[in-house]
């Protein structure tokens, strides 16, 4: 198939056009709409821009990204579960833990994981604390000291109430014995952008989202929320080595509406598997500090259900304290 060039349809929509389909064309549609529950520039968008040029070639389709921010992804995922036709032409990027914490925390949100069709997880993106390049916080210890000296006044952005960064903030407050002023945004992009512009003191975000700005020197990474230091950020300590029991992050993949056609689901899974095995994709992911974590089909569903149980327990343990604030 000859490469074609297409224009952006609208401010919130981008098309990715396939070059050479390596297998039989995707059976369900020539064009796949990809719903994203957050603004452009965040983790969902980073995944889409990384994966979909490769996947377009594998499946022989166009991808149209649709940004539907609000309620930490719940608007998009409610639409996916309740309103989207199961014809294989529409999928959504699904992010943890917010996919499940939305309805765990808020009874008015009525969709559940059981009403969608998990296709595959692609990456798991660890958490990181970042500040502006000219921030007075040169180290994570500087940040912690300021939080202890100024309870409830140090502003820390997150990707929205119920997201991984929100829970990271709660866990960190307990681990460090501090009180932060938590500032929710409609996604990771607005959060790290606010930190970079000095509108907030820091952002708890994800490595794969913030890494390009850290690499360019526009953001300073103070600590990563991983088991071990990351090879992409070898000089950045883990929160754990600094004495704070905090390992956190977000996994991102693709899901369809309930009753998604099984043939289309399998084609999508097979295409994503080939993408993640492609050395060029692996190099592109590494350049963005994106950790490939491919979990497909029913194993992805099991992964989401396990997180649902874990975060239900976590929320039950802290909800009275949070509601009292």
C-alpha atoms as a PDB file:
ATOM      1  CA  UNK A   1       0.000   0.000   0.000  1.00  0.00           C
ATOM      2  CA  UNK A   2       1.484   3.366  -0.993  1.00  0.00           C
ATOM      3  CA  UNK A   3       2.177   5.837   1.775  1.00  0.00           C
ATOM      4  CA  UNK A   4      -0.391   8.617   1.850  1.00  0.00           C
ATOM      5  CA  UNK A   5      -0.272  11.869   3.737  1.00  0.00           C
ATOM      6  CA  UNK A   6      -3.339  13.201   5.485  1.00  0.00           C
ATOM      7  CA  UNK A   7      -4.021  16.415   7.336  1.00  0.00           C
ATOM      8  CA  UNK A   8      -5.156  16.828  10.880  1.00  0.00           C
ATOM      9  CA  UNK A   9      -8.947  16.708  10.888  1.00  0.00           C
ATOM     10  CA  UNK A  10      -9.447  18.990  13.857  1.00  0.00           C
ATOM     11  CA  UNK A  11      -7.640  20.400  16.856  1.00  0.00           C
ATOM     12  CA  UNK A  12      -8.451  17.320  18.907  1.00  0.00           C
ATOM     13  CA  UNK A  13      -8.162  14.640  16.217  1.00  0.00           C
ATOM     14  CA  UNK A  14      -5.141  13.183  14.453  1.00  0.00           C
ATOM     15  CA  UNK A  15      -4.957  10.521  11.750  1.00  0.00           C
ATOM     16  CA  UNK A  16      -2.172   7.989  11.442  1.00  0.00           C
ATOM     17  CA  UNK A  17      -2.068   6.348   8.015  1.00  0.00           C
ATOM     18  CA  UNK A  18      -0.550   2.922   7.319  1.00  0.00           C
ATOM     19  CA  UNK A  19       2.402   2.437   5.012  1.00  0.00           C
ATOM     20  CA  UNK A  20       2.720  -1.301   4.385  1.00  0.00           C
ATOM     21  CA  UNK A  21       0.262  -3.753   5.897  1.00  0.00           C
ATOM     22  CA  UNK A  22       2.254  -6.870   6.667  1.00  0.00           C
ATOM     23  CA  UNK A  23      -0.749  -9.127   7.157  1.00  0.00           C
ATOM     24  CA  UNK A  24      -4.339  -9.373   6.004  1.00  0.00           C
ATOM     25  CA  UNK A  25      -6.184  -6.098   6.582  1.00  0.00           C
ATOM     26  CA  UNK A  26      -8.089  -5.656   9.787  1.00  0.00           C
ATOM     27  CA  UNK A  27     -11.448  -7.288   9.190  1.00  0.00           C
ATOM     28  CA  UNK A  28     -13.653  -4.924  11.186  1.00  0.00           C
ATOM     29  CA  UNK A  29     -12.955  -1.534   9.621  1.00  0.00           C
ATOM     30  CA  UNK A  30     -10.631   0.532   7.454  1.00  0.00           C
ATOM     31  CA  UNK A  31     -10.487   3.230  10.114  1.00  0.00           C
ATOM     32  CA  UNK A  32     -10.258   2.780  13.879  1.00  0.00           C
ATOM     33  CA  UNK A  33     -11.361   5.496  16.266  1.00  0.00           C
ATOM     34  CA  UNK A  34      -9.186   5.591  19.397  1.00  0.00           C
ATOM     35  CA  UNK A  35     -10.823   7.274  22.369  1.00  0.00           C
ATOM     36  CA  UNK A  36      -8.546   8.898  24.934  1.00  0.00           C
ATOM     37  CA  UNK A  37      -9.907  10.000  28.290  1.00  0.00           C
ATOM     38  CA  UNK A  38      -7.335  12.748  28.775  1.00  0.00           C
ATOM     39  CA  UNK A  39      -6.022  15.845  27.035  1.00  0.00           C
ATOM     40  CA  UNK A  40      -3.315  15.631  24.404  1.00  0.00           C
ATOM     41  CA  UNK A  41       0.233  15.490  25.718  1.00  0.00           C
ATOM     42  CA  UNK A  42      -0.414  13.008  28.508  1.00  0.00           C
ATOM     43  CA  UNK A  43       0.259   9.326  28.964  1.00  0.00           C
ATOM     44  CA  UNK A  44      -2.534   8.086  26.708  1.00  0.00           C
ATOM     45  CA  UNK A  45      -1.385  10.339  23.905  1.00  0.00           C
ATOM     46  CA  UNK A  46       2.241   9.302  24.365  1.00  0.00           C
ATOM     47  CA  UNK A  47       1.195   5.662  23.981  1.00  0.00           C
ATOM     48  CA  UNK A  48      -0.924   6.418  20.902  1.00  0.00           C
ATOM     49  CA  UNK A  49       1.829   8.368  19.158  1.00  0.00           C
ATOM     50  CA  UNK A  50       4.337   5.629  19.922  1.00  0.00           C
ATOM     51  CA  UNK A  51       2.269   2.581  19.010  1.00  0.00           C
ATOM     52  CA  UNK A  52      -0.138   3.558  16.273  1.00  0.00           C
ATOM     53  CA  UNK A  53       2.270   4.343  13.403  1.00  0.00           C
ATOM     54  CA  UNK A  54       3.614   0.798  13.779  1.00  0.00           C
ATOM     55  CA  UNK A  55       0.195  -0.776  14.350  1.00  0.00           C
ATOM     56  CA  UNK A  56      -1.242   1.019  11.329  1.00  0.00           C
ATOM     57  CA  UNK A  57       1.291  -0.779   9.155  1.00  0.00           C
ATOM     58  CA  UNK A  58       0.509  -4.125  10.751  1.00  0.00           C
ATOM     59  CA  UNK A  59      -3.272  -3.898  10.409  1.00  0.00           C
ATOM     60  CA  UNK A  60      -3.585  -1.814   7.242  1.00  0.00           C
ATOM     61  CA  UNK A  61      -5.898   0.773   8.814  1.00  0.00           C
ATOM     62  CA  UNK A  62      -6.046   4.461   9.700  1.00  0.00           C
ATOM     63  CA  UNK A  63      -6.170   5.501  13.349  1.00  0.00           C
ATOM     64  CA  UNK A  64      -8.145   8.559  14.430  1.00  0.00           C
ATOM     65  CA  UNK A  65      -7.361   9.787  17.946  1.00  0.00           C
ATOM     66  CA  UNK A  66     -10.275  11.366  19.779  1.00  0.00           C
ATOM     67  CA  UNK A  67      -9.567  13.251  23.011  1.00  0.00           C
ATOM     68  CA  UNK A  68     -12.425  13.149  25.525  1.00  0.00           C
ATOM     69  CA  UNK A  69     -10.964  14.534  28.774  1.00  0.00           C
ATOM     70  CA  UNK A  70     -12.804  14.715  32.050  1.00  0.00           C
ATOM     71  CA  UNK A  71     -13.430  12.839  35.291  1.00  0.00           C
ATOM     72  CA  UNK A  72     -10.046  11.064  35.128  1.00  0.00           C
ATOM     73  CA  UNK A  73     -11.024   9.180  31.997  1.00  0.00           C
ATOM     74  CA  UNK A  74     -14.511   8.232  33.195  1.00  0.00           C
ATOM     75  CA  UNK A  75     -16.333  10.196  30.481  1.00  0.00           C
ATOM     76  CA  UNK A  76     -14.540   8.311  27.714  1.00  0.00           C
ATOM     77  CA  UNK A  77     -14.786   4.907  29.416  1.00  0.00           C
ATOM     78  CA  UNK A  78     -18.472   5.347  30.204  1.00  0.00           C
ATOM     79  CA  UNK A  79     -18.992   6.103  26.525  1.00  0.00           C
ATOM     80  CA  UNK A  80     -16.950   3.023  25.615  1.00  0.00           C
ATOM     81  CA  UNK A  81     -18.959   0.745  27.916  1.00  0.00           C
ATOM     82  CA  UNK A  82     -22.435   2.213  27.488  1.00  0.00           C
ATOM     83  CA  UNK A  83     -22.676   3.853  24.072  1.00  0.00           C
ATOM     84  CA  UNK A  84     -20.065   2.478  21.661  1.00  0.00           C
ATOM     85  CA  UNK A  85     -21.130   0.013  18.977  1.00  0.00           C
ATOM     86  CA  UNK A  86     -19.207  -3.279  19.276  1.00  0.00           C
ATOM     87  CA  UNK A  87     -18.309  -3.364  15.582  1.00  0.00           C
ATOM     88  CA  UNK A  88     -14.533  -3.330  15.942  1.00  0.00           C
ATOM     89  CA  UNK A  89     -14.232   0.225  14.636  1.00  0.00           C
ATOM     90  CA  UNK A  90     -13.759   1.924  18.029  1.00  0.00           C
ATOM     91  CA  UNK A  91     -11.360   1.181  20.861  1.00  0.00           C
ATOM     92  CA  UNK A  92     -10.062   3.173  23.805  1.00  0.00           C
ATOM     93  CA  UNK A  93      -6.737   3.493  25.512  1.00  0.00           C
ATOM     94  CA  UNK A  94      -7.254   2.184  29.039  1.00  0.00           C
ATOM     95  CA  UNK A  95      -5.069   3.347  31.918  1.00  0.00           C
ATOM     96  CA  UNK A  96      -4.533   1.911  35.370  1.00  0.00           C
ATOM     97  CA  UNK A  97      -5.381   2.437  38.095  1.00  0.00           C
ATOM     98  CA  UNK A  98      -7.943   5.084  37.097  1.00  0.00           C
ATOM     99  CA  UNK A  99      -9.914   2.680  34.905  1.00  0.00           C
ATOM    100  CA  UNK A 100     -11.106   0.946  38.071  1.00  0.00           C
ATOM    101  CA  UNK A 101     -10.545   3.566  40.782  1.00  0.00           C
ATOM    102  CA  UNK A 102     -13.064   5.858  39.064  1.00  0.00           C
ATOM    103  CA  UNK A 103     -16.001   3.670  40.015  1.00  0.00           C
ATOM    104  CA  UNK A 104     -14.412   2.294  43.172  1.00  0.00           C
ATOM    105  CA  UNK A 105     -14.243   5.836  44.559  1.00  0.00           C
ATOM    106  CA  UNK A 106     -17.394   7.272  42.997  1.00  0.00           C
ATOM    107  CA  UNK A 107     -20.676   5.309  43.038  1.00  0.00           C
ATOM    108  CA  UNK A 108     -22.191   7.701  40.477  1.00  0.00           C
ATOM    109  CA  UNK A 109     -19.806   6.296  37.836  1.00  0.00           C
ATOM    110  CA  UNK A 110     -21.628   3.255  36.547  1.00  0.00           C
ATOM    111  CA  UNK A 111     -19.330   1.521  34.040  1.00  0.00           C
ATOM    112  CA  UNK A 112     -17.110  -1.367  35.181  1.00  0.00           C
ATOM    113  CA  UNK A 113     -14.288  -3.416  33.701  1.00  0.00           C
ATOM    114  CA  UNK A 114     -16.808  -6.197  33.155  1.00  0.00           C
ATOM    115  CA  UNK A 115     -18.587  -4.040  30.540  1.00  0.00           C
ATOM    116  CA  UNK A 116     -15.587  -3.599  28.257  1.00  0.00           C
ATOM    117  CA  UNK A 117     -13.329  -5.952  26.313  1.00  0.00           C
ATOM    118  CA  UNK A 118      -9.687  -5.688  27.405  1.00  0.00           C
ATOM    119  CA  UNK A 119      -7.463  -6.215  24.365  1.00  0.00           C
ATOM    120  CA  UNK A 120      -3.867  -5.785  25.521  1.00  0.00           C
ATOM    121  CA  UNK A 121      -1.649  -3.765  27.805  1.00  0.00           C
ATOM    122  CA  UNK A 122       1.397  -2.309  26.057  1.00  0.00           C
ATOM    123  CA  UNK A 123       3.463  -0.323  28.563  1.00  0.00           C
ATOM    124  CA  UNK A 124       3.838   0.147  32.295  1.00  0.00           C
ATOM    125  CA  UNK A 125       5.045   3.646  33.061  1.00  0.00           C
ATOM    126  CA  UNK A 126       6.659   4.255  36.468  1.00  0.00           C
ATOM    127  CA  UNK A 127       5.991   7.358  38.522  1.00  0.00           C
ATOM    128  CA  UNK A 128       8.376  10.274  38.945  1.00  0.00           C
ATOM    129  CA  UNK A 129       8.499  13.565  40.846  1.00  0.00           C
ATOM    130  CA  UNK A 130       9.498  16.499  38.629  1.00  0.00           C
ATOM    131  CA  UNK A 131       9.997  20.229  39.127  1.00  0.00           C
ATOM    132  CA  UNK A 132      10.890  23.158  36.890  1.00  0.00           C
ATOM    133  CA  UNK A 133      14.523  23.508  35.855  1.00  0.00           C
ATOM    134  CA  UNK A 134      14.858  26.634  37.997  1.00  0.00           C
ATOM    135  CA  UNK A 135      13.003  25.215  41.002  1.00  0.00           C
ATOM    136  CA  UNK A 136      14.590  25.827  44.412  1.00  0.00           C
ATOM    137  CA  UNK A 137      14.191  22.080  45.024  1.00  0.00           C
ATOM    138  CA  UNK A 138      17.457  20.590  43.827  1.00  0.00           C
ATOM    139  CA  UNK A 139      16.858  17.213  45.463  1.00  0.00           C
ATOM    140  CA  UNK A 140      13.948  15.141  46.700  1.00  0.00           C
ATOM    141  CA  UNK A 141      15.139  15.838  50.229  1.00  0.00           C
ATOM    142  CA  UNK A 142      14.710  19.584  49.539  1.00  0.00           C
ATOM    143  CA  UNK A 143      11.141  18.923  48.437  1.00  0.00           C
ATOM    144  CA  UNK A 144      10.360  16.797  51.503  1.00  0.00           C
ATOM    145  CA  UNK A 145      11.851  19.378  53.869  1.00  0.00           C
ATOM    146  CA  UNK A 146       9.736  22.131  52.309  1.00  0.00           C
ATOM    147  CA  UNK A 147       6.623  19.989  52.647  1.00  0.00           C
ATOM    148  CA  UNK A 148       7.399  19.363  56.321  1.00  0.00           C
ATOM    149  CA  UNK A 149       8.165  23.017  57.013  1.00  0.00           C
ATOM    150  CA  UNK A 150       5.092  24.289  55.156  1.00  0.00           C
ATOM    151  CA  UNK A 151       2.248  21.800  55.762  1.00  0.00           C
ATOM    152  CA  UNK A 152      -0.500  21.908  53.164  1.00  0.00           C
ATOM    153  CA  UNK A 153       1.062  24.659  51.067  1.00  0.00           C
ATOM    154  CA  UNK A 154       3.462  22.864  48.686  1.00  0.00           C
ATOM    155  CA  UNK A 155       1.459  22.375  45.474  1.00  0.00           C
ATOM    156  CA  UNK A 156       1.857  19.038  43.700  1.00  0.00           C
ATOM    157  CA  UNK A 157       0.053  18.274  40.458  1.00  0.00           C
ATOM    158  CA  UNK A 158      -1.485  14.947  39.495  1.00  0.00           C
ATOM    159  CA  UNK A 159      -3.359  13.570  36.487  1.00  0.00           C
ATOM    160  CA  UNK A 160      -6.734  13.647  38.260  1.00  0.00           C
ATOM    161  CA  UNK A 161      -8.481  12.369  41.356  1.00  0.00           C
ATOM    162  CA  UNK A 162      -8.327   8.573  41.346  1.00  0.00           C
ATOM    163  CA  UNK A 163      -5.327   8.343  39.050  1.00  0.00           C
ATOM    164  CA  UNK A 164      -1.996   6.742  39.858  1.00  0.00           C
ATOM    165  CA  UNK A 165      -0.431  10.110  40.656  1.00  0.00           C
ATOM    166  CA  UNK A 166      -3.268  10.941  43.052  1.00  0.00           C
ATOM    167  CA  UNK A 167      -2.754   7.690  44.953  1.00  0.00           C
ATOM    168  CA  UNK A 168       1.007   8.223  44.810  1.00  0.00           C
ATOM    169  CA  UNK A 169       0.480  11.560  46.584  1.00  0.00           C
ATOM    170  CA  UNK A 170      -1.618   9.916  49.291  1.00  0.00           C
ATOM    171  CA  UNK A 171       0.879   7.113  49.842  1.00  0.00           C
ATOM    172  CA  UNK A 172       3.783   9.575  49.910  1.00  0.00           C
ATOM    173  CA  UNK A 173       2.049  11.789  52.481  1.00  0.00           C
ATOM    174  CA  UNK A 174       1.735   8.803  54.802  1.00  0.00           C
ATOM    175  CA  UNK A 175       5.263   7.551  54.141  1.00  0.00           C
ATOM    176  CA  UNK A 176       6.908  10.950  54.686  1.00  0.00           C
ATOM    177  CA  UNK A 177       4.565  12.313  57.340  1.00  0.00           C
ATOM    178  CA  UNK A 178       3.749  15.417  55.301  1.00  0.00           C
ATOM    179  CA  UNK A 179       0.671  17.199  53.984  1.00  0.00           C
ATOM    180  CA  UNK A 180       0.636  18.380  50.361  1.00  0.00           C
ATOM    181  CA  UNK A 181      -1.729  20.648  48.486  1.00  0.00           C
ATOM    182  CA  UNK A 182      -2.791  18.225  45.756  1.00  0.00           C
ATOM    183  CA  UNK A 183      -3.756  19.844  42.437  1.00  0.00           C
ATOM    184  CA  UNK A 184      -5.697  17.636  39.973  1.00  0.00           C
ATOM    185  CA  UNK A 185      -5.421  18.181  36.220  1.00  0.00           C
ATOM    186  CA  UNK A 186      -7.116  16.559  33.220  1.00  0.00           C
ATOM    187  CA  UNK A 187      -4.170  14.319  32.481  1.00  0.00           C
ATOM    188  CA  UNK A 188      -0.397  14.106  32.897  1.00  0.00           C
ATOM    189  CA  UNK A 189       0.365  16.657  30.196  1.00  0.00           C
ATOM    190  CA  UNK A 190      -1.271  19.639  31.929  1.00  0.00           C
ATOM    191  CA  UNK A 191       0.280  18.547  35.228  1.00  0.00           C
ATOM    192  CA  UNK A 192       3.928  18.470  34.143  1.00  0.00           C
ATOM    193  CA  UNK A 193       3.363  21.559  31.977  1.00  0.00           C
ATOM    194  CA  UNK A 194       2.173  23.476  35.051  1.00  0.00           C
ATOM    195  CA  UNK A 195       5.269  22.371  36.957  1.00  0.00           C
ATOM    196  CA  UNK A 196       7.549  23.334  34.091  1.00  0.00           C
ATOM    197  CA  UNK A 197       5.936  26.766  33.966  1.00  0.00           C
ATOM    198  CA  UNK A 198       6.265  27.295  37.709  1.00  0.00           C
ATOM    199  CA  UNK A 199       2.505  27.354  38.288  1.00  0.00           C
ATOM    200  CA  UNK A 200       2.830  24.538  40.821  1.00  0.00           C
ATOM    201  CA  UNK A 201       5.796  23.467  42.933  1.00  0.00           C
ATOM    202  CA  UNK A 202       6.046  19.920  41.582  1.00  0.00           C
ATOM    203  CA  UNK A 203       4.260  17.286  39.571  1.00  0.00           C
ATOM    204  CA  UNK A 204       3.875  13.617  40.381  1.00  0.00           C
ATOM    205  CA  UNK A 205       3.626  12.200  36.884  1.00  0.00           C
ATOM    206  CA  UNK A 206       5.044   9.331  34.801  1.00  0.00           C
ATOM    207  CA  UNK A 207       8.507   8.796  33.390  1.00  0.00           C
ATOM    208  CA  UNK A 208       7.399   8.076  29.819  1.00  0.00           C
ATOM    209  CA  UNK A 209       5.459  11.341  29.730  1.00  0.00           C
ATOM    210  CA  UNK A 210       8.013  13.637  31.372  1.00  0.00           C
ATOM    211  CA  UNK A 211      11.254  12.056  30.147  1.00  0.00           C
ATOM    212  CA  UNK A 212      11.592  14.118  26.934  1.00  0.00           C
ATOM    213  CA  UNK A 213      11.384  17.340  28.966  1.00  0.00           C
ATOM    214  CA  UNK A 214      13.797  15.978  31.578  1.00  0.00           C
ATOM    215  CA  UNK A 215      16.211  14.998  28.820  1.00  0.00           C
ATOM    216  CA  UNK A 216      15.975  18.484  27.295  1.00  0.00           C
ATOM    217  CA  UNK A 217      16.611  20.074  30.671  1.00  0.00           C
ATOM    218  CA  UNK A 218      13.199  21.715  30.987  1.00  0.00           C
ATOM    219  CA  UNK A 219      12.205  19.586  33.975  1.00  0.00           C
ATOM    220  CA  UNK A 220      14.291  18.240  36.831  1.00  0.00           C
ATOM    221  CA  UNK A 221      13.523  14.725  38.060  1.00  0.00           C
ATOM    222  CA  UNK A 222      13.874  14.491  41.849  1.00  0.00           C
ATOM    223  CA  UNK A 223      12.980  10.828  42.425  1.00  0.00           C
ATOM    224  CA  UNK A 224      11.511   7.869  40.595  1.00  0.00           C
ATOM    225  CA  UNK A 225       8.923   5.587  42.179  1.00  0.00           C
ATOM    226  CA  UNK A 226      10.492   2.306  41.111  1.00  0.00           C
ATOM    227  CA  UNK A 227      12.126  -0.723  42.706  1.00  0.00           C
ATOM    228  CA  UNK A 228      15.520   0.184  41.236  1.00  0.00           C
ATOM    229  CA  UNK A 229      17.041   3.160  39.466  1.00  0.00           C
ATOM    230  CA  UNK A 230      16.141   3.475  35.806  1.00  0.00           C
ATOM    231  CA  UNK A 231      18.875   3.150  33.162  1.00  0.00           C
ATOM    232  CA  UNK A 232      17.436   6.207  31.387  1.00  0.00           C
ATOM    233  CA  UNK A 233      17.758   8.271  34.590  1.00  0.00           C
ATOM    234  CA  UNK A 234      20.767   6.714  36.353  1.00  0.00           C
ATOM    235  CA  UNK A 235      21.449   9.760  38.544  1.00  0.00           C
ATOM    236  CA  UNK A 236      17.883  10.015  39.843  1.00  0.00           C
ATOM    237  CA  UNK A 237      17.362   8.136  43.130  1.00  0.00           C
ATOM    238  CA  UNK A 238      14.358   6.002  43.897  1.00  0.00           C
ATOM    239  CA  UNK A 239      12.046   7.150  46.659  1.00  0.00           C
ATOM    240  CA  UNK A 240      12.621   3.767  48.273  1.00  0.00           C
ATOM    241  CA  UNK A 241      16.403   4.246  48.561  1.00  0.00           C
ATOM    242  CA  UNK A 242      15.701   7.606  50.202  1.00  0.00           C
ATOM    243  CA  UNK A 243      13.643   5.872  52.843  1.00  0.00           C
ATOM    244  CA  UNK A 244      10.094   6.161  51.500  1.00  0.00           C
ATOM    245  CA  UNK A 245       8.207   2.962  50.707  1.00  0.00           C
ATOM    246  CA  UNK A 246       6.743   4.114  47.416  1.00  0.00           C
ATOM    247  CA  UNK A 247       6.623   2.136  44.160  1.00  0.00           C
ATOM    248  CA  UNK A 248       3.954   3.340  41.750  1.00  0.00           C
ATOM    249  CA  UNK A 249       3.068   3.885  38.117  1.00  0.00           C
ATOM    250  CA  UNK A 250       0.461   3.471  35.406  1.00  0.00           C
ATOM    251  CA  UNK A 251      -0.102   0.735  32.837  1.00  0.00           C
ATOM    252  CA  UNK A 252      -1.627   1.625  29.473  1.00  0.00           C
ATOM    253  CA  UNK A 253      -3.170  -0.507  26.780  1.00  0.00           C
ATOM    254  CA  UNK A 254      -6.197  -0.885  24.530  1.00  0.00           C
ATOM    255  CA  UNK A 255      -9.745  -2.073  25.190  1.00  0.00           C
ATOM    256  CA  UNK A 256     -12.934  -2.253  23.173  1.00  0.00           C
ATOM    257  CA  UNK A 257     -16.591  -2.073  24.133  1.00  0.00           C
ATOM    258  CA  UNK A 258     -18.366  -5.131  25.467  1.00  0.00           C
ATOM    259  CA  UNK A 259     -19.018  -7.852  22.885  1.00  0.00           C
ATOM    260  CA  UNK A 260     -16.108  -6.610  20.778  1.00  0.00           C
ATOM    261  CA  UNK A 261     -15.795  -8.996  17.793  1.00  0.00           C
ATOM    262  CA  UNK A 262     -13.468 -11.816  18.750  1.00  0.00           C
ATOM    263  CA  UNK A 263     -11.826 -11.941  15.320  1.00  0.00           C
ATOM    264  CA  UNK A 264     -11.061  -8.234  15.477  1.00  0.00           C
ATOM    265  CA  UNK A 265      -9.785  -8.571  19.029  1.00  0.00           C
ATOM    266  CA  UNK A 266      -7.397 -11.345  18.034  1.00  0.00           C
ATOM    267  CA  UNK A 267      -6.166  -9.382  15.016  1.00  0.00           C
ATOM    268  CA  UNK A 268      -5.535  -6.383  17.275  1.00  0.00           C
ATOM    269  CA  UNK A 269      -3.670  -8.565  19.786  1.00  0.00           C
ATOM    270  CA  UNK A 270      -1.567 -10.222  17.083  1.00  0.00           C
ATOM    271  CA  UNK A 271      -0.754  -6.834  15.560  1.00  0.00           C
ATOM    272  CA  UNK A 272       0.275  -5.373  18.908  1.00  0.00           C
ATOM    273  CA  UNK A 273       2.407  -8.424  19.649  1.00  0.00           C
ATOM    274  CA  UNK A 274       4.297  -7.970  16.372  1.00  0.00           C
ATOM    275  CA  UNK A 275       4.707  -4.273  17.139  1.00  0.00           C
ATOM    276  CA  UNK A 276       6.198  -4.922  20.582  1.00  0.00           C
ATOM    277  CA  UNK A 277       8.593  -7.466  19.056  1.00  0.00           C
ATOM    278  CA  UNK A 278       9.726  -5.010  16.358  1.00  0.00           C
ATOM    279  CA  UNK A 279      13.296  -3.795  17.101  1.00  0.00           C
ATOM    280  CA  UNK A 280      12.497  -0.354  15.671  1.00  0.00           C
ATOM    281  CA  UNK A 281       9.547  -0.034  18.026  1.00  0.00           C
ATOM    282  CA  UNK A 282      11.661  -1.229  20.934  1.00  0.00           C
ATOM    283  CA  UNK A 283      14.255   1.437  20.136  1.00  0.00           C
ATOM    284  CA  UNK A 284      11.539   4.114  19.897  1.00  0.00           C
ATOM    285  CA  UNK A 285      10.067   3.022  23.225  1.00  0.00           C
ATOM    286  CA  UNK A 286      13.486   3.064  24.875  1.00  0.00           C
ATOM    287  CA  UNK A 287      14.154   6.575  23.552  1.00  0.00           C
ATOM    288  CA  UNK A 288      11.012   7.727  25.378  1.00  0.00           C
ATOM    289  CA  UNK A 289      11.739   5.688  28.515  1.00  0.00           C
ATOM    290  CA  UNK A 290       8.604   3.658  27.845  1.00  0.00           C
ATOM    291  CA  UNK A 291       8.731   0.249  29.534  1.00  0.00           C
ATOM    292  CA  UNK A 292       7.128  -2.378  27.281  1.00  0.00           C
ATOM    293  CA  UNK A 293       4.859  -4.656  29.302  1.00  0.00           C
ATOM    294  CA  UNK A 294       2.742  -6.682  26.874  1.00  0.00           C
ATOM    295  CA  UNK A 295      -0.207  -8.467  28.511  1.00  0.00           C
ATOM    296  CA  UNK A 296      -2.792  -9.758  26.058  1.00  0.00           C
ATOM    297  CA  UNK A 297      -6.374 -10.944  25.966  1.00  0.00           C
ATOM    298  CA  UNK A 298      -7.828 -12.646  29.011  1.00  0.00           C
ATOM    299  CA  UNK A 299      -4.551 -12.158  30.915  1.00  0.00           C
ATOM    300  CA  UNK A 300      -5.050  -8.409  30.524  1.00  0.00           C
ATOM    301  CA  UNK A 301      -8.576  -8.788  31.885  1.00  0.00           C
ATOM    302  CA  UNK A 302      -7.209 -10.759  34.851  1.00  0.00           C
ATOM    303  CA  UNK A 303      -4.600  -8.033  35.427  1.00  0.00           C
ATOM    304  CA  UNK A 304      -7.319  -5.357  35.537  1.00  0.00           C
ATOM    305  CA  UNK A 305      -9.552  -7.403  37.837  1.00  0.00           C
ATOM    306  CA  UNK A 306      -6.624  -7.993  40.204  1.00  0.00           C
ATOM    307  CA  UNK A 307      -5.984  -4.247  40.357  1.00  0.00           C
ATOM    308  CA  UNK A 308      -9.693  -3.660  40.921  1.00  0.00           C
ATOM    309  CA  UNK A 309      -9.536  -5.848  44.037  1.00  0.00           C
ATOM    310  CA  UNK A 310      -6.317  -4.258  45.288  1.00  0.00           C
ATOM    311  CA  UNK A 311      -7.516  -0.674  44.898  1.00  0.00           C
ATOM    312  CA  UNK A 312     -10.900  -1.505  46.389  1.00  0.00           C
ATOM    313  CA  UNK A 313      -9.058  -2.602  49.529  1.00  0.00           C
ATOM    314  CA  UNK A 314      -6.766   0.437  49.459  1.00  0.00           C
ATOM    315  CA  UNK A 315      -9.689   2.841  49.059  1.00  0.00           C
ATOM    316  CA  UNK A 316     -11.628   1.167  51.856  1.00  0.00           C
ATOM    317  CA  UNK A 317      -8.603   1.678  54.111  1.00  0.00           C
ATOM    318  CA  UNK A 318      -8.260   5.417  53.414  1.00  0.00           C
ATOM    319  CA  UNK A 319     -11.634   6.724  52.242  1.00  0.00           C
ATOM    320  CA  UNK A 320     -12.885   7.890  55.646  1.00  0.00           C
ATOM    321  CA  UNK A 321      -9.701   9.875  56.192  1.00  0.00           C
ATOM    322  CA  UNK A 322      -9.863  11.424  52.703  1.00  0.00           C
ATOM    323  CA  UNK A 323     -13.538  12.354  52.990  1.00  0.00           C
ATOM    324  CA  UNK A 324     -12.856  14.005  56.335  1.00  0.00           C
ATOM    325  CA  UNK A 325     -10.297  16.377  54.830  1.00  0.00           C
END
